[in-house]
Amino acid sequence: MKKAQRQQGFTLLEVMLVVLLMGLMAAAVTLSIGSGGQQQVLNREAQRFMATTEALQDEAVLSGGFFGIVVEEQKYHYVMLKEGKWRPIEQDNLLSERQLPAGIVTDLEVEGLPLEQDEQQQSWFGEPFIEADAAERKKFPEPQIMLLPSGEMTGFKLRFIAAGDEGLPLEKLVSGNSLGRMVLGEFDELS
């Protein structure tokens, strides 16, 4: 008697079913990543800002130095008070100027007031600027957010804003209070 030979391998139906399932899984992953992509970038930028600022706050407390943050629409950088002038921190890659990814801008509110820089601005230390210092002031602007050796800082709300999928703006808020605490979002009224 001959034994019936059994075929080994996959049938065409089994292969097609596996390909169909892989396609559905790939589509689901693509859709989930695509819709939250810009929001993830905003979250990452806000968390990076917070982590870097907290590290600099620690440095201010440990070194007894005065540090600050200069925020512009599409970038920000950290500065330190050296010989009576604010100078950018350039020797540290983490603290050097941070250009935001394309499509992301910032909106800064300091101590409850929207930030509007004017040419007749006075120094944080009460000294009026003179015209001869205009070029120097533009090259080395004073920080809007100051980090003090006591651990305190200027209260602020910094929004990272981008256009969403449907043209609606997406934003991520970082709030800091005068005690040196920062949170993603708003501070609770009770805290």
N, C-alpha and C. Protein backbone atom coordinates (compact mmCIF):
# COMPACT_ATOMS: atom_id res chain seq x y z
N MET A 1 0.82 -1.17 0.00
CA MET A 1 0.00 0.00 0.00
C MET A 1 0.86 1.24 0.00
N LYS A 2 0.36 2.13 -0.75
CA LYS A 2 1.06 3.41 -0.82
C LYS A 2 0.48 4.35 0.20
N LYS A 3 1.40 4.99 0.85
CA LYS A 3 0.95 6.00 1.81
C LYS A 3 0.69 7.29 1.06
N ALA A 4 -0.34 8.00 1.46
CA ALA A 4 -0.66 9.28 0.82
C ALA A 4 0.41 10.31 1.21
N GLN A 5 0.95 10.95 0.18
CA GLN A 5 1.96 11.95 0.46
C GLN A 5 1.29 13.24 0.88
N ARG A 6 1.84 13.80 1.90
CA ARG A 6 1.27 15.04 2.44
C ARG A 6 2.11 16.20 1.93
N GLN A 7 1.46 17.22 1.43
CA GLN A 7 2.15 18.40 0.92
C GLN A 7 2.54 19.28 2.08
N GLN A 8 3.73 19.86 1.99
CA GLN A 8 4.18 20.78 3.01
C GLN A 8 4.20 22.17 2.41
N GLY A 9 3.95 23.17 3.25
CA GLY A 9 3.93 24.55 2.80
C GLY A 9 2.61 25.20 3.14
N PHE A 10 2.41 26.42 2.62
CA PHE A 10 1.21 27.18 2.90
C PHE A 10 0.33 27.21 1.67
N THR A 11 -0.96 27.23 1.91
CA THR A 11 -1.88 27.36 0.78
C THR A 11 -1.98 28.83 0.39
N LEU A 12 -2.46 29.08 -0.79
CA LEU A 12 -2.60 30.45 -1.27
C LEU A 12 -3.53 31.23 -0.36
N LEU A 13 -4.54 30.64 0.15
CA LEU A 13 -5.48 31.30 1.06
C LEU A 13 -4.79 31.74 2.35
N GLU A 14 -3.95 30.92 2.90
CA GLU A 14 -3.23 31.26 4.13
C GLU A 14 -2.29 32.45 3.89
N VAL A 15 -1.57 32.44 2.77
CA VAL A 15 -0.65 33.53 2.46
C VAL A 15 -1.42 34.83 2.28
N MET A 16 -2.54 34.80 1.56
CA MET A 16 -3.34 36.01 1.34
C MET A 16 -3.90 36.55 2.65
N LEU A 17 -4.31 35.67 3.54
CA LEU A 17 -4.83 36.10 4.84
C LEU A 17 -3.74 36.81 5.66
N VAL A 18 -2.52 36.28 5.66
CA VAL A 18 -1.41 36.91 6.39
C VAL A 18 -1.09 38.28 5.78
N VAL A 19 -1.06 38.39 4.46
CA VAL A 19 -0.77 39.66 3.80
C VAL A 19 -1.86 40.68 4.14
N LEU A 20 -3.11 40.26 4.14
CA LEU A 20 -4.23 41.15 4.48
C LEU A 20 -4.10 41.67 5.92
N LEU A 21 -3.81 40.79 6.86
CA LEU A 21 -3.65 41.20 8.26
C LEU A 21 -2.47 42.16 8.43
N MET A 22 -1.36 41.91 7.76
CA MET A 22 -0.21 42.81 7.84
C MET A 22 -0.55 44.19 7.27
N GLY A 23 -1.30 44.21 6.18
CA GLY A 23 -1.72 45.48 5.59
C GLY A 23 -2.62 46.28 6.52
N LEU A 24 -3.55 45.60 7.17
CA LEU A 24 -4.44 46.28 8.13
C LEU A 24 -3.66 46.83 9.32
N MET A 25 -2.70 46.07 9.81
CA MET A 25 -1.89 46.55 10.94
C MET A 25 -1.04 47.74 10.53
N ALA A 26 -0.47 47.71 9.34
CA ALA A 26 0.34 48.83 8.86
C ALA A 26 -0.51 50.08 8.70
N ALA A 27 -1.72 49.92 8.19
CA ALA A 27 -2.62 51.07 8.02
C ALA A 27 -3.00 51.67 9.37
N ALA A 28 -3.27 50.82 10.35
CA ALA A 28 -3.63 51.32 11.68
C ALA A 28 -2.48 52.07 12.30
N VAL A 29 -1.26 51.57 12.18
CA VAL A 29 -0.09 52.25 12.74
C VAL A 29 0.12 53.58 12.03
N THR A 30 0.01 53.61 10.72
CA THR A 30 0.20 54.84 9.95
C THR A 30 -0.83 55.90 10.34
N LEU A 31 -2.07 55.51 10.50
CA LEU A 31 -3.12 56.47 10.88
C LEU A 31 -2.89 57.00 12.29
N SER A 32 -2.48 56.15 13.21
CA SER A 32 -2.28 56.62 14.58
C SER A 32 -1.08 57.54 14.68
N ILE A 33 -0.04 57.29 13.91
CA ILE A 33 1.14 58.17 13.94
C ILE A 33 0.85 59.46 13.21
N GLY A 34 0.16 59.40 12.09
CA GLY A 34 -0.09 60.59 11.28
C GLY A 34 -0.92 61.64 11.99
N SER A 35 -1.93 61.26 12.72
CA SER A 35 -2.80 62.24 13.35
C SER A 35 -2.16 62.91 14.56
N GLY A 36 -1.26 62.25 15.23
CA GLY A 36 -0.66 62.84 16.41
C GLY A 36 0.76 63.31 16.20
N GLY A 37 1.25 63.30 14.97
CA GLY A 37 2.63 63.65 14.69
C GLY A 37 3.00 65.05 15.14
N GLN A 38 2.22 66.04 14.76
CA GLN A 38 2.53 67.43 15.13
C GLN A 38 2.37 67.64 16.63
N GLN A 39 1.38 67.00 17.23
CA GLN A 39 1.19 67.10 18.68
C GLN A 39 2.37 66.47 19.42
N GLN A 40 2.90 65.38 18.89
CA GLN A 40 4.06 64.75 19.52
C GLN A 40 5.29 65.65 19.44
N VAL A 41 5.44 66.35 18.31
CA VAL A 41 6.56 67.29 18.18
C VAL A 41 6.41 68.42 19.19
N LEU A 42 5.20 68.94 19.35
CA LEU A 42 4.96 70.00 20.35
C LEU A 42 5.27 69.50 21.75
N ASN A 43 4.81 68.29 22.08
CA ASN A 43 5.09 67.72 23.40
C ASN A 43 6.59 67.58 23.64
N ARG A 44 7.29 67.09 22.62
CA ARG A 44 8.73 66.90 22.74
C ARG A 44 9.45 68.24 22.95
N GLU A 45 9.05 69.28 22.21
CA GLU A 45 9.69 70.59 22.35
C GLU A 45 9.41 71.20 23.74
N ALA A 46 8.18 71.06 24.21
CA ALA A 46 7.82 71.59 25.54
C ALA A 46 8.60 70.86 26.63
N GLN A 47 8.70 69.55 26.52
CA GLN A 47 9.43 68.78 27.53
C GLN A 47 10.92 69.08 27.47
N ARG A 48 11.46 69.28 26.28
CA ARG A 48 12.86 69.65 26.15
C ARG A 48 13.13 71.00 26.81
N PHE A 49 12.24 71.97 26.57
CA PHE A 49 12.38 73.29 27.18
C PHE A 49 12.38 73.17 28.70
N MET A 50 11.43 72.40 29.23
CA MET A 50 11.33 72.25 30.69
C MET A 50 12.57 71.57 31.27
N ALA A 51 13.02 70.50 30.65
CA ALA A 51 14.17 69.77 31.18
C ALA A 51 15.43 70.64 31.16
N THR A 52 15.64 71.36 30.08
CA THR A 52 16.82 72.21 29.97
C THR A 52 16.75 73.35 30.97
N THR A 53 15.58 73.95 31.12
CA THR A 53 15.42 75.05 32.07
C THR A 53 15.60 74.58 33.50
N GLU A 54 15.08 73.40 33.84
CA GLU A 54 15.27 72.87 35.18
C GLU A 54 16.74 72.59 35.47
N ALA A 55 17.47 72.09 34.47
CA ALA A 55 18.91 71.85 34.66
C ALA A 55 19.64 73.17 34.89
N LEU A 56 19.24 74.22 34.17
CA LEU A 56 19.88 75.52 34.35
C LEU A 56 19.50 76.15 35.69
N GLN A 57 18.28 75.89 36.16
CA GLN A 57 17.89 76.36 37.49
C GLN A 57 18.80 75.74 38.55
N ASP A 58 19.07 74.46 38.41
CA ASP A 58 19.97 73.79 39.36
C ASP A 58 21.36 74.41 39.31
N GLU A 59 21.83 74.72 38.11
CA GLU A 59 23.14 75.35 37.95
C GLU A 59 23.15 76.73 38.61
N ALA A 60 22.06 77.49 38.47
CA ALA A 60 21.98 78.82 39.09
C ALA A 60 22.08 78.71 40.60
N VAL A 61 21.41 77.74 41.18
CA VAL A 61 21.44 77.56 42.63
C VAL A 61 22.83 77.11 43.08
N LEU A 62 23.43 76.17 42.36
CA LEU A 62 24.73 75.64 42.76
C LEU A 62 25.86 76.65 42.56
N SER A 63 25.80 77.41 41.47
CA SER A 63 26.90 78.33 41.17
C SER A 63 26.67 79.73 41.74
N GLY A 64 25.43 80.05 42.10
CA GLY A 64 25.12 81.39 42.58
C GLY A 64 25.06 82.41 41.47
N GLY A 65 24.92 81.94 40.23
CA GLY A 65 24.89 82.84 39.08
C GLY A 65 23.49 83.22 38.67
N PHE A 66 23.41 84.28 37.88
CA PHE A 66 22.14 84.72 37.31
C PHE A 66 22.07 84.25 35.87
N PHE A 67 20.98 83.56 35.54
CA PHE A 67 20.77 83.06 34.18
C PHE A 67 19.43 83.55 33.68
N GLY A 68 19.21 83.44 32.38
CA GLY A 68 17.95 83.87 31.81
C GLY A 68 17.66 83.15 30.51
N ILE A 69 16.43 83.38 30.02
CA ILE A 69 16.00 82.78 28.75
C ILE A 69 15.49 83.90 27.86
N VAL A 70 16.03 83.96 26.65
CA VAL A 70 15.56 84.90 25.64
C VAL A 70 14.69 84.11 24.68
N VAL A 71 13.41 84.47 24.60
CA VAL A 71 12.46 83.75 23.76
C VAL A 71 12.09 84.63 22.57
N GLU A 72 12.26 84.08 21.39
CA GLU A 72 11.83 84.74 20.16
C GLU A 72 10.76 83.86 19.52
N GLU A 73 10.20 84.30 18.41
CA GLU A 73 9.07 83.59 17.83
C GLU A 73 9.41 82.15 17.43
N GLN A 74 10.57 81.92 16.83
CA GLN A 74 10.89 80.59 16.34
C GLN A 74 12.15 79.99 16.98
N LYS A 75 12.63 80.61 18.05
CA LYS A 75 13.80 80.08 18.73
C LYS A 75 13.88 80.64 20.14
N TYR A 76 14.73 80.03 20.92
CA TYR A 76 15.02 80.55 22.26
C TYR A 76 16.46 80.16 22.59
N HIS A 77 17.05 80.92 23.50
CA HIS A 77 18.38 80.57 23.95
C HIS A 77 18.58 81.04 25.39
N TYR A 78 19.57 80.46 26.02
CA TYR A 78 19.86 80.73 27.42
C TYR A 78 21.04 81.69 27.51
N VAL A 79 20.98 82.59 28.50
CA VAL A 79 22.03 83.58 28.69
C VAL A 79 22.45 83.58 30.16
N MET A 80 23.64 84.14 30.41
CA MET A 80 24.11 84.29 31.78
C MET A 80 24.63 85.70 31.97
N LEU A 81 24.51 86.20 33.18
CA LEU A 81 25.00 87.53 33.51
C LEU A 81 26.48 87.42 33.82
N LYS A 82 27.29 88.07 32.98
CA LYS A 82 28.74 88.00 33.11
C LYS A 82 29.31 89.40 32.96
N GLU A 83 29.97 89.88 33.98
CA GLU A 83 30.56 91.21 33.99
C GLU A 83 29.52 92.29 33.69
N GLY A 84 28.34 92.12 34.25
CA GLY A 84 27.28 93.11 34.12
C GLY A 84 26.52 93.08 32.81
N LYS A 85 26.80 92.11 31.93
CA LYS A 85 26.11 92.01 30.64
C LYS A 85 25.61 90.60 30.43
N TRP A 86 24.48 90.50 29.74
CA TRP A 86 23.90 89.20 29.43
C TRP A 86 24.60 88.64 28.21
N ARG A 87 25.17 87.45 28.36
CA ARG A 87 25.90 86.79 27.29
C ARG A 87 25.30 85.41 27.02
N PRO A 88 25.20 85.04 25.74
CA PRO A 88 24.67 83.70 25.43
C PRO A 88 25.58 82.60 25.97
N ILE A 89 24.98 81.51 26.36
CA ILE A 89 25.74 80.34 26.79
C ILE A 89 26.00 79.51 25.54
N GLU A 90 27.25 79.48 25.10
CA GLU A 90 27.56 78.82 23.83
C GLU A 90 28.40 77.56 24.00
N GLN A 91 29.09 77.42 25.11
CA GLN A 91 29.98 76.28 25.28
C GLN A 91 29.25 74.99 25.60
N ASP A 92 27.96 75.04 25.80
CA ASP A 92 27.18 73.86 26.14
C ASP A 92 26.13 73.64 25.05
N ASN A 93 26.18 72.50 24.36
CA ASN A 93 25.23 72.22 23.27
C ASN A 93 23.79 72.20 23.74
N LEU A 94 23.56 71.72 24.94
CA LEU A 94 22.21 71.66 25.49
C LEU A 94 21.62 73.05 25.70
N LEU A 95 22.46 74.02 26.06
CA LEU A 95 21.99 75.36 26.38
C LEU A 95 22.18 76.36 25.23
N SER A 96 22.74 75.93 24.13
CA SER A 96 22.94 76.85 23.01
C SER A 96 21.59 77.15 22.35
N GLU A 97 21.60 78.07 21.41
CA GLU A 97 20.35 78.49 20.77
C GLU A 97 19.58 77.30 20.21
N ARG A 98 18.29 77.25 20.48
CA ARG A 98 17.43 76.17 20.02
C ARG A 98 16.46 76.72 18.98
N GLN A 99 16.68 76.35 17.72
CA GLN A 99 15.79 76.72 16.63
C GLN A 99 14.66 75.70 16.63
N LEU A 100 13.42 76.16 16.66
CA LEU A 100 12.28 75.25 16.69
C LEU A 100 12.07 74.62 15.31
N PRO A 101 11.50 73.42 15.25
CA PRO A 101 11.22 72.79 13.96
C PRO A 101 10.27 73.66 13.12
N ALA A 102 10.34 73.49 11.82
CA ALA A 102 9.50 74.27 10.90
C ALA A 102 8.03 74.12 11.27
N GLY A 103 7.31 75.22 11.25
CA GLY A 103 5.89 75.20 11.54
C GLY A 103 5.53 75.41 13.00
N ILE A 104 6.53 75.51 13.88
CA ILE A 104 6.27 75.71 15.30
C ILE A 104 6.75 77.10 15.70
N VAL A 105 5.88 77.84 16.40
CA VAL A 105 6.23 79.16 16.91
C VAL A 105 5.91 79.21 18.40
N THR A 106 6.43 80.25 19.07
CA THR A 106 6.16 80.40 20.49
C THR A 106 5.36 81.66 20.75
N ASP A 107 4.68 81.67 21.85
CA ASP A 107 3.97 82.84 22.34
C ASP A 107 4.24 82.90 23.84
N LEU A 108 4.86 83.99 24.28
CA LEU A 108 5.28 84.11 25.67
C LEU A 108 4.46 85.16 26.39
N GLU A 109 4.00 84.80 27.58
CA GLU A 109 3.31 85.73 28.47
C GLU A 109 4.12 85.74 29.77
N VAL A 110 4.60 86.92 30.15
CA VAL A 110 5.44 87.05 31.34
C VAL A 110 4.66 87.74 32.44
N GLU A 111 4.61 87.10 33.62
CA GLU A 111 3.93 87.68 34.79
C GLU A 111 2.52 88.16 34.45
N GLY A 112 1.81 87.42 33.60
CA GLY A 112 0.44 87.77 33.26
C GLY A 112 0.28 88.80 32.16
N LEU A 113 1.39 89.32 31.61
CA LEU A 113 1.33 90.31 30.55
C LEU A 113 1.88 89.72 29.26
N PRO A 114 1.22 89.93 28.11
CA PRO A 114 1.79 89.42 26.87
C PRO A 114 3.10 90.15 26.58
N LEU A 115 4.05 89.43 26.03
CA LEU A 115 5.36 90.00 25.78
C LEU A 115 5.33 90.87 24.53
N GLU A 116 5.71 92.14 24.68
CA GLU A 116 5.88 93.04 23.56
C GLU A 116 7.18 93.78 23.78
N GLN A 117 8.16 93.48 22.97
CA GLN A 117 9.45 94.14 23.11
C GLN A 117 9.41 95.42 22.30
N ASP A 118 9.75 96.53 22.92
CA ASP A 118 9.84 97.78 22.18
C ASP A 118 11.26 98.32 22.27
N GLU A 119 11.57 99.26 21.40
CA GLU A 119 12.92 99.79 21.33
C GLU A 119 13.25 100.68 22.53
N GLN A 120 12.25 101.20 23.24
CA GLN A 120 12.50 102.08 24.37
C GLN A 120 12.43 101.33 25.70
N GLN A 121 12.57 100.02 25.63
CA GLN A 121 12.48 99.19 26.83
C GLN A 121 13.56 99.57 27.84
N GLN A 122 13.22 99.46 29.10
CA GLN A 122 14.20 99.72 30.15
C GLN A 122 14.78 98.41 30.62
N SER A 123 15.95 98.49 31.20
CA SER A 123 16.64 97.33 31.72
C SER A 123 15.86 96.76 32.91
N TRP A 124 16.06 95.47 33.18
CA TRP A 124 15.46 94.85 34.36
C TRP A 124 15.98 95.51 35.62
N PHE A 125 17.14 96.13 35.53
CA PHE A 125 17.76 96.72 36.70
C PHE A 125 17.45 98.20 36.81
N GLY A 126 16.48 98.71 36.05
CA GLY A 126 16.02 100.08 36.19
C GLY A 126 16.87 101.11 35.47
N GLU A 127 17.88 100.68 34.72
CA GLU A 127 18.72 101.64 34.02
C GLU A 127 18.19 101.82 32.60
N PRO A 128 17.94 103.06 32.18
CA PRO A 128 17.46 103.25 30.81
C PRO A 128 18.58 102.95 29.82
N PHE A 129 18.20 102.37 28.69
CA PHE A 129 19.17 102.11 27.63
C PHE A 129 19.46 103.41 26.89
N ILE A 130 20.67 103.60 26.45
CA ILE A 130 20.99 104.75 25.63
C ILE A 130 21.16 104.29 24.20
N GLU A 131 20.99 105.20 23.24
CA GLU A 131 21.01 104.84 21.83
C GLU A 131 22.32 104.19 21.40
N ALA A 132 23.44 104.58 21.98
CA ALA A 132 24.72 103.99 21.60
C ALA A 132 24.74 102.49 21.87
N ASP A 133 23.93 102.05 22.81
CA ASP A 133 23.89 100.63 23.15
C ASP A 133 22.86 99.85 22.34
N ALA A 134 22.21 100.49 21.37
CA ALA A 134 21.15 99.82 20.61
C ALA A 134 21.67 98.59 19.87
N ALA A 135 22.84 98.70 19.24
CA ALA A 135 23.40 97.55 18.53
C ALA A 135 23.78 96.45 19.50
N GLU A 136 24.37 96.81 20.61
CA GLU A 136 24.76 95.83 21.63
C GLU A 136 23.51 95.15 22.22
N ARG A 137 22.46 95.94 22.44
CA ARG A 137 21.21 95.41 22.99
C ARG A 137 20.57 94.42 22.02
N LYS A 138 20.66 94.71 20.73
CA LYS A 138 20.09 93.80 19.74
C LYS A 138 20.90 92.51 19.66
N LYS A 139 22.21 92.64 19.80
CA LYS A 139 23.09 91.47 19.74
C LYS A 139 22.99 90.63 21.01
N PHE A 140 22.88 91.29 22.16
CA PHE A 140 22.79 90.60 23.45
C PHE A 140 21.54 91.08 24.19
N PRO A 141 20.34 90.63 23.78
CA PRO A 141 19.12 91.11 24.45
C PRO A 141 19.01 90.58 25.88
N GLU A 142 18.31 91.36 26.70
CA GLU A 142 18.05 90.90 28.06
C GLU A 142 17.01 89.79 28.04
N PRO A 143 17.11 88.87 28.97
CA PRO A 143 16.15 87.75 28.99
C PRO A 143 14.78 88.21 29.48
N GLN A 144 13.75 87.56 28.95
CA GLN A 144 12.40 87.81 29.44
C GLN A 144 12.12 86.98 30.69
N ILE A 145 12.77 85.82 30.79
CA ILE A 145 12.60 84.94 31.95
C ILE A 145 13.95 84.87 32.66
N MET A 146 13.95 85.23 33.92
CA MET A 146 15.19 85.20 34.70
C MET A 146 15.17 84.04 35.69
N LEU A 147 16.32 83.39 35.83
CA LEU A 147 16.51 82.29 36.78
C LEU A 147 17.49 82.77 37.83
N LEU A 148 17.04 82.86 39.06
CA LEU A 148 17.83 83.46 40.14
C LEU A 148 18.55 82.41 40.98
N PRO A 149 19.64 82.79 41.64
CA PRO A 149 20.38 81.83 42.47
C PRO A 149 19.57 81.28 43.63
N SER A 150 18.50 81.97 43.99
CA SER A 150 17.64 81.49 45.09
C SER A 150 16.72 80.35 44.66
N GLY A 151 16.71 80.04 43.36
CA GLY A 151 15.80 79.02 42.85
C GLY A 151 14.52 79.60 42.30
N GLU A 152 14.32 80.89 42.49
CA GLU A 152 13.13 81.55 41.96
C GLU A 152 13.34 81.91 40.50
N MET A 153 12.24 82.23 39.82
CA MET A 153 12.33 82.67 38.44
C MET A 153 11.14 83.57 38.11
N THR A 154 11.22 84.21 36.98
CA THR A 154 10.12 85.04 36.50
C THR A 154 8.94 84.14 36.16
N GLY A 155 7.75 84.49 36.62
CA GLY A 155 6.56 83.72 36.26
C GLY A 155 6.25 83.90 34.78
N PHE A 156 5.85 82.83 34.11
CA PHE A 156 5.60 82.91 32.67
C PHE A 156 4.64 81.82 32.22
N LYS A 157 4.12 82.01 31.01
CA LYS A 157 3.38 80.99 30.27
C LYS A 157 3.95 81.01 28.86
N LEU A 158 4.50 79.89 28.43
CA LEU A 158 5.09 79.77 27.11
C LEU A 158 4.30 78.74 26.32
N ARG A 159 3.73 79.19 25.22
CA ARG A 159 2.95 78.31 24.35
C ARG A 159 3.79 77.93 23.13
N PHE A 160 3.83 76.64 22.83
CA PHE A 160 4.41 76.15 21.59
C PHE A 160 3.22 75.88 20.68
N ILE A 161 3.17 76.53 19.52
CA ILE A 161 1.99 76.51 18.67
C ILE A 161 2.36 75.98 17.28
N ALA A 162 1.50 75.14 16.72
CA ALA A 162 1.67 74.62 15.36
C ALA A 162 0.29 74.45 14.73
N ALA A 163 0.25 74.39 13.42
CA ALA A 163 -1.00 74.16 12.70
C ALA A 163 -1.30 72.67 12.71
N GLY A 164 -2.53 72.33 13.02
CA GLY A 164 -2.94 70.93 13.06
C GLY A 164 -3.33 70.42 11.69
N ASP A 165 -3.82 69.18 11.65
CA ASP A 165 -4.20 68.53 10.39
C ASP A 165 -5.32 69.27 9.67
N GLU A 166 -6.27 69.77 10.38
CA GLU A 166 -7.44 70.41 9.77
C GLU A 166 -7.31 71.93 9.78
N GLY A 167 -6.10 72.45 9.94
CA GLY A 167 -5.88 73.89 9.95
C GLY A 167 -6.13 74.54 11.31
N LEU A 168 -6.61 73.76 12.26
CA LEU A 168 -6.82 74.29 13.61
C LEU A 168 -5.49 74.31 14.34
N PRO A 169 -5.23 75.36 15.12
CA PRO A 169 -3.94 75.41 15.82
C PRO A 169 -3.87 74.40 16.97
N LEU A 170 -2.71 73.78 17.08
CA LEU A 170 -2.40 72.90 18.20
C LEU A 170 -1.44 73.67 19.10
N GLU A 171 -1.53 73.47 20.39
CA GLU A 171 -0.58 74.14 21.27
C GLU A 171 -0.26 73.29 22.48
N LYS A 172 0.92 73.54 23.02
CA LYS A 172 1.35 72.91 24.26
C LYS A 172 1.86 74.04 25.15
N LEU A 173 1.34 74.11 26.36
CA LEU A 173 1.65 75.19 27.29
C LEU A 173 2.63 74.72 28.36
N VAL A 174 3.64 75.54 28.61
CA VAL A 174 4.54 75.34 29.74
C VAL A 174 4.35 76.55 30.65
N SER A 175 4.00 76.32 31.91
CA SER A 175 3.82 77.41 32.88
C SER A 175 4.90 77.34 33.94
N GLY A 176 5.41 78.50 34.31
CA GLY A 176 6.39 78.57 35.39
C GLY A 176 5.95 79.63 36.39
N ASN A 177 6.13 79.36 37.67
CA ASN A 177 5.75 80.36 38.67
C ASN A 177 6.99 80.97 39.31
N SER A 178 6.78 81.97 40.11
CA SER A 178 7.90 82.71 40.71
C SER A 178 8.69 81.88 41.72
N LEU A 179 8.14 80.76 42.16
CA LEU A 179 8.86 79.89 43.09
C LEU A 179 9.80 78.93 42.38
N GLY A 180 9.81 78.98 41.05
CA GLY A 180 10.71 78.13 40.29
C GLY A 180 10.12 76.81 39.83
N ARG A 181 8.82 76.61 40.03
CA ARG A 181 8.16 75.38 39.59
C ARG A 181 7.66 75.55 38.16
N MET A 182 7.73 74.46 37.39
CA MET A 182 7.19 74.46 36.03
C MET A 182 6.30 73.23 35.84
N VAL A 183 5.25 73.42 35.05
CA VAL A 183 4.35 72.32 34.72
C VAL A 183 3.95 72.42 33.26
N LEU A 184 3.58 71.29 32.69
CA LEU A 184 2.95 71.29 31.38
C LEU A 184 1.49 71.65 31.59
N GLY A 185 1.02 72.71 30.98
CA GLY A 185 -0.35 73.17 31.18
C GLY A 185 -0.39 74.28 32.21
N GLU A 186 -1.56 74.48 32.78
CA GLU A 186 -1.78 75.55 33.77
C GLU A 186 -1.54 75.01 35.17
N PHE A 187 -1.13 75.90 36.07
CA PHE A 187 -1.06 75.54 37.48
C PHE A 187 -2.48 75.46 38.02
N ASP A 188 -2.74 74.50 38.90
CA ASP A 188 -4.04 74.40 39.55
C ASP A 188 -4.22 75.61 40.45
N GLU A 189 -5.45 76.06 40.57
CA GLU A 189 -5.73 77.21 41.42
C GLU A 189 -5.40 76.96 42.89
N LEU A 190 -5.50 75.70 43.33
CA LEU A 190 -5.27 75.40 44.74
C LEU A 190 -3.81 75.16 45.09
N SER A 191 -2.95 74.97 44.08
CA SER A 191 -1.55 74.65 44.41
C SER A 191 -0.68 75.87 44.53
